[in-house]
């Protein structure tokens, strides 16, 4: 998506890509996506961080959901 220069008017659509990058251990790529597409949207970040703080998804380990790093990059950057 980044290589093709695709954009969306609904920035929440990038969250699954962000989560996927973190879950794959591609932290630098996730940070680039965060800085480019998510960081400036404080309203969306506030809602996501509030939800994550109150509702750790606690997916089964086989899901590979990296809650700690997702929360760290999204909410503490």
N, C-alpha and C. Protein backbone atom coordinates (compact mmCIF):
# COMPACT_ATOMS: atom_id res chain seq x y z
N UNK A 1 0.83 -1.19 0.00
CA UNK A 1 0.00 0.00 0.00
C UNK A 1 0.88 1.25 0.00
N UNK A 2 1.90 1.27 0.88
CA UNK A 2 2.80 2.43 0.92
C UNK A 2 3.56 2.59 -0.39
N UNK A 3 4.05 1.47 -0.94
CA UNK A 3 4.81 1.54 -2.18
C UNK A 3 3.97 2.08 -3.34
N UNK A 4 2.67 1.80 -3.31
CA UNK A 4 1.78 2.29 -4.36
C UNK A 4 1.28 3.70 -4.10
N UNK A 5 1.59 4.22 -2.90
CA UNK A 5 1.16 5.58 -2.56
C UNK A 5 -0.33 5.71 -2.34
N UNK A 6 -0.96 4.62 -1.94
CA UNK A 6 -2.40 4.66 -1.73
C UNK A 6 -2.73 5.36 -0.42
N UNK A 7 -3.79 6.11 -0.42
CA UNK A 7 -4.25 6.85 0.75
C UNK A 7 -5.73 6.54 0.98
N UNK A 8 -6.16 6.79 2.20
CA UNK A 8 -7.57 6.63 2.52
C UNK A 8 -8.02 7.84 3.32
N UNK A 9 -9.26 8.22 3.15
CA UNK A 9 -9.77 9.35 3.95
C UNK A 9 -10.16 8.88 5.35
N UNK A 10 -10.38 7.59 5.52
CA UNK A 10 -10.70 7.01 6.83
C UNK A 10 -9.44 6.37 7.38
N UNK A 11 -8.73 7.12 8.22
CA UNK A 11 -7.44 6.65 8.72
C UNK A 11 -7.54 5.40 9.58
N UNK A 12 -8.73 5.09 10.09
CA UNK A 12 -8.87 3.86 10.88
C UNK A 12 -8.64 2.62 10.04
N UNK A 13 -8.72 2.74 8.73
CA UNK A 13 -8.49 1.60 7.84
C UNK A 13 -7.05 1.13 7.86
N UNK A 14 -6.12 1.95 8.35
CA UNK A 14 -4.72 1.55 8.39
C UNK A 14 -4.38 0.75 9.64
N UNK A 15 -5.26 0.74 10.63
CA UNK A 15 -4.97 0.05 11.90
C UNK A 15 -4.70 -1.44 11.69
N UNK A 16 -5.49 -2.18 10.90
CA UNK A 16 -5.16 -3.60 10.70
C UNK A 16 -3.78 -3.80 10.07
N UNK A 17 -3.37 -2.89 9.19
CA UNK A 17 -2.03 -2.99 8.59
C UNK A 17 -0.97 -2.72 9.66
N UNK A 18 -1.21 -1.72 10.49
CA UNK A 18 -0.29 -1.40 11.59
C UNK A 18 -0.15 -2.60 12.53
N UNK A 19 -1.28 -3.17 12.94
CA UNK A 19 -1.25 -4.34 13.82
C UNK A 19 -0.51 -5.50 13.16
N UNK A 20 -0.76 -5.71 11.88
CA UNK A 20 -0.09 -6.79 11.16
C UNK A 20 1.41 -6.62 11.14
N UNK A 21 1.87 -5.40 10.89
CA UNK A 21 3.31 -5.15 10.88
C UNK A 21 3.92 -5.43 12.25
N UNK A 22 3.27 -4.96 13.30
CA UNK A 22 3.79 -5.21 14.65
C UNK A 22 3.79 -6.71 14.94
N UNK A 23 2.70 -7.37 14.61
CA UNK A 23 2.59 -8.81 14.88
C UNK A 23 3.62 -9.63 14.12
N UNK A 24 4.10 -9.11 13.00
CA UNK A 24 5.15 -9.78 12.24
C UNK A 24 6.55 -9.41 12.72
N UNK A 25 6.60 -8.52 13.72
CA UNK A 25 7.90 -8.09 14.23
C UNK A 25 8.55 -7.01 13.38
N UNK A 26 7.80 -6.42 12.48
CA UNK A 26 8.32 -5.36 11.61
C UNK A 26 8.07 -4.00 12.27
N UNK A 27 8.74 -3.81 13.41
CA UNK A 27 8.49 -2.63 14.24
C UNK A 27 8.85 -1.33 13.55
N UNK A 28 9.94 -1.30 12.81
CA UNK A 28 10.32 -0.06 12.13
C UNK A 28 9.30 0.30 11.06
N UNK A 29 8.82 -0.69 10.31
CA UNK A 29 7.77 -0.42 9.31
C UNK A 29 6.49 0.06 9.99
N UNK A 30 6.18 -0.53 11.14
CA UNK A 30 4.99 -0.10 11.89
C UNK A 30 5.14 1.34 12.36
N UNK A 31 6.34 1.70 12.81
CA UNK A 31 6.57 3.09 13.26
C UNK A 31 6.46 4.07 12.09
N UNK A 32 6.95 3.67 10.92
CA UNK A 32 6.84 4.54 9.75
C UNK A 32 5.36 4.75 9.41
N UNK A 33 4.59 3.67 9.39
CA UNK A 33 3.16 3.78 9.12
C UNK A 33 2.48 4.63 10.18
N UNK A 34 2.84 4.41 11.44
CA UNK A 34 2.28 5.20 12.54
C UNK A 34 2.57 6.70 12.32
N UNK A 35 3.81 7.03 12.05
CA UNK A 35 4.20 8.43 11.87
C UNK A 35 3.51 9.07 10.67
N UNK A 36 3.34 8.30 9.62
CA UNK A 36 2.76 8.84 8.38
C UNK A 36 1.23 8.91 8.42
N UNK A 37 0.59 7.90 9.00
CA UNK A 37 -0.86 7.79 8.85
C UNK A 37 -1.67 7.93 10.15
N UNK A 38 -1.04 7.71 11.30
CA UNK A 38 -1.82 7.61 12.53
C UNK A 38 -1.50 8.73 13.51
N UNK A 39 -0.24 9.07 13.67
CA UNK A 39 0.22 9.98 14.72
C UNK A 39 -0.56 11.29 14.78
N UNK A 40 -0.83 11.89 13.67
CA UNK A 40 -1.52 13.18 13.64
C UNK A 40 -3.00 13.13 13.95
N UNK A 41 -3.56 11.94 14.07
CA UNK A 41 -5.00 11.81 14.31
C UNK A 41 -5.22 11.52 15.79
N UNK A 42 -5.16 12.56 16.62
CA UNK A 42 -5.25 12.37 18.07
C UNK A 42 -6.60 11.83 18.51
N UNK A 43 -7.65 12.17 17.81
CA UNK A 43 -8.99 11.66 18.18
C UNK A 43 -9.06 10.15 18.02
N UNK A 44 -8.57 9.64 16.91
CA UNK A 44 -8.56 8.20 16.67
C UNK A 44 -7.62 7.51 17.65
N UNK A 45 -6.43 8.07 17.85
CA UNK A 45 -5.48 7.47 18.79
C UNK A 45 -6.05 7.41 20.19
N UNK A 46 -6.70 8.48 20.63
CA UNK A 46 -7.28 8.50 21.98
C UNK A 46 -8.29 7.37 22.13
N UNK A 47 -9.16 7.22 21.15
CA UNK A 47 -10.19 6.17 21.22
C UNK A 47 -9.56 4.78 21.24
N UNK A 48 -8.58 4.55 20.38
CA UNK A 48 -7.92 3.24 20.32
C UNK A 48 -7.14 2.95 21.60
N UNK A 49 -6.41 3.94 22.10
CA UNK A 49 -5.60 3.72 23.30
C UNK A 49 -6.48 3.52 24.53
N UNK A 50 -7.57 4.24 24.59
CA UNK A 50 -8.51 4.05 25.70
C UNK A 50 -9.08 2.64 25.66
N UNK A 51 -9.49 2.20 24.48
CA UNK A 51 -10.03 0.85 24.34
C UNK A 51 -8.99 -0.19 24.72
N UNK A 52 -7.77 -0.05 24.18
CA UNK A 52 -6.73 -1.03 24.47
C UNK A 52 -6.36 -1.05 25.96
N UNK A 53 -6.36 0.11 26.60
CA UNK A 53 -6.02 0.17 28.02
C UNK A 53 -7.07 -0.53 28.87
N UNK A 54 -8.32 -0.45 28.44
CA UNK A 54 -9.42 -1.03 29.21
C UNK A 54 -9.75 -2.46 28.81
N UNK A 55 -9.36 -2.85 27.60
CA UNK A 55 -9.76 -4.15 27.07
C UNK A 55 -8.59 -4.85 26.37
N UNK A 56 -7.61 -5.27 27.12
CA UNK A 56 -6.54 -6.05 26.51
C UNK A 56 -7.19 -7.25 25.83
N UNK A 57 -7.04 -7.37 24.50
CA UNK A 57 -7.75 -8.42 23.79
C UNK A 57 -7.43 -9.84 24.25
N UNK A 58 -6.24 -10.05 24.83
CA UNK A 58 -5.86 -11.36 25.34
C UNK A 58 -6.21 -12.50 24.39
N UNK A 59 -5.80 -12.32 23.14
CA UNK A 59 -5.99 -13.37 22.16
C UNK A 59 -5.16 -14.58 22.56
N UNK A 60 -5.56 -15.77 22.14
CA UNK A 60 -4.72 -16.95 22.41
C UNK A 60 -3.33 -16.75 21.80
N UNK A 61 -2.30 -17.31 22.41
CA UNK A 61 -0.93 -17.12 21.93
C UNK A 61 -0.75 -17.45 20.45
N UNK A 62 -1.48 -18.43 19.96
CA UNK A 62 -1.31 -18.80 18.55
C UNK A 62 -1.76 -17.70 17.59
N UNK A 63 -2.50 -16.71 18.08
CA UNK A 63 -2.88 -15.58 17.24
C UNK A 63 -1.69 -14.67 16.97
N UNK A 64 -0.71 -14.69 17.87
CA UNK A 64 0.48 -13.86 17.70
C UNK A 64 0.23 -12.38 17.85
N UNK A 65 -0.80 -12.01 18.63
CA UNK A 65 -1.12 -10.59 18.80
C UNK A 65 -0.16 -9.98 19.81
N UNK A 66 0.63 -9.03 19.36
CA UNK A 66 1.68 -8.41 20.17
C UNK A 66 1.13 -7.16 20.85
N UNK A 67 0.26 -7.36 21.83
CA UNK A 67 -0.41 -6.27 22.53
C UNK A 67 0.58 -5.25 23.07
N UNK A 68 1.63 -5.71 23.71
CA UNK A 68 2.58 -4.81 24.36
C UNK A 68 3.19 -3.83 23.38
N UNK A 69 3.68 -4.32 22.26
CA UNK A 69 4.31 -3.42 21.28
C UNK A 69 3.29 -2.59 20.52
N UNK A 70 2.12 -3.15 20.24
CA UNK A 70 1.07 -2.36 19.59
C UNK A 70 0.71 -1.17 20.47
N UNK A 71 0.48 -1.44 21.76
CA UNK A 71 0.12 -0.37 22.69
C UNK A 71 1.27 0.63 22.83
N UNK A 72 2.48 0.14 22.95
CA UNK A 72 3.64 1.02 23.13
C UNK A 72 3.80 1.98 21.95
N UNK A 73 3.77 1.46 20.74
CA UNK A 73 3.96 2.31 19.56
C UNK A 73 2.78 3.24 19.37
N UNK A 74 1.57 2.71 19.49
CA UNK A 74 0.37 3.49 19.22
C UNK A 74 0.08 4.53 20.29
N UNK A 75 0.34 4.20 21.54
CA UNK A 75 -0.13 5.05 22.63
C UNK A 75 0.98 5.78 23.38
N UNK A 76 2.22 5.32 23.26
CA UNK A 76 3.30 5.96 23.99
C UNK A 76 4.35 6.61 23.10
N UNK A 77 4.02 6.76 21.83
CA UNK A 77 4.98 7.39 20.90
C UNK A 77 4.71 8.87 20.74
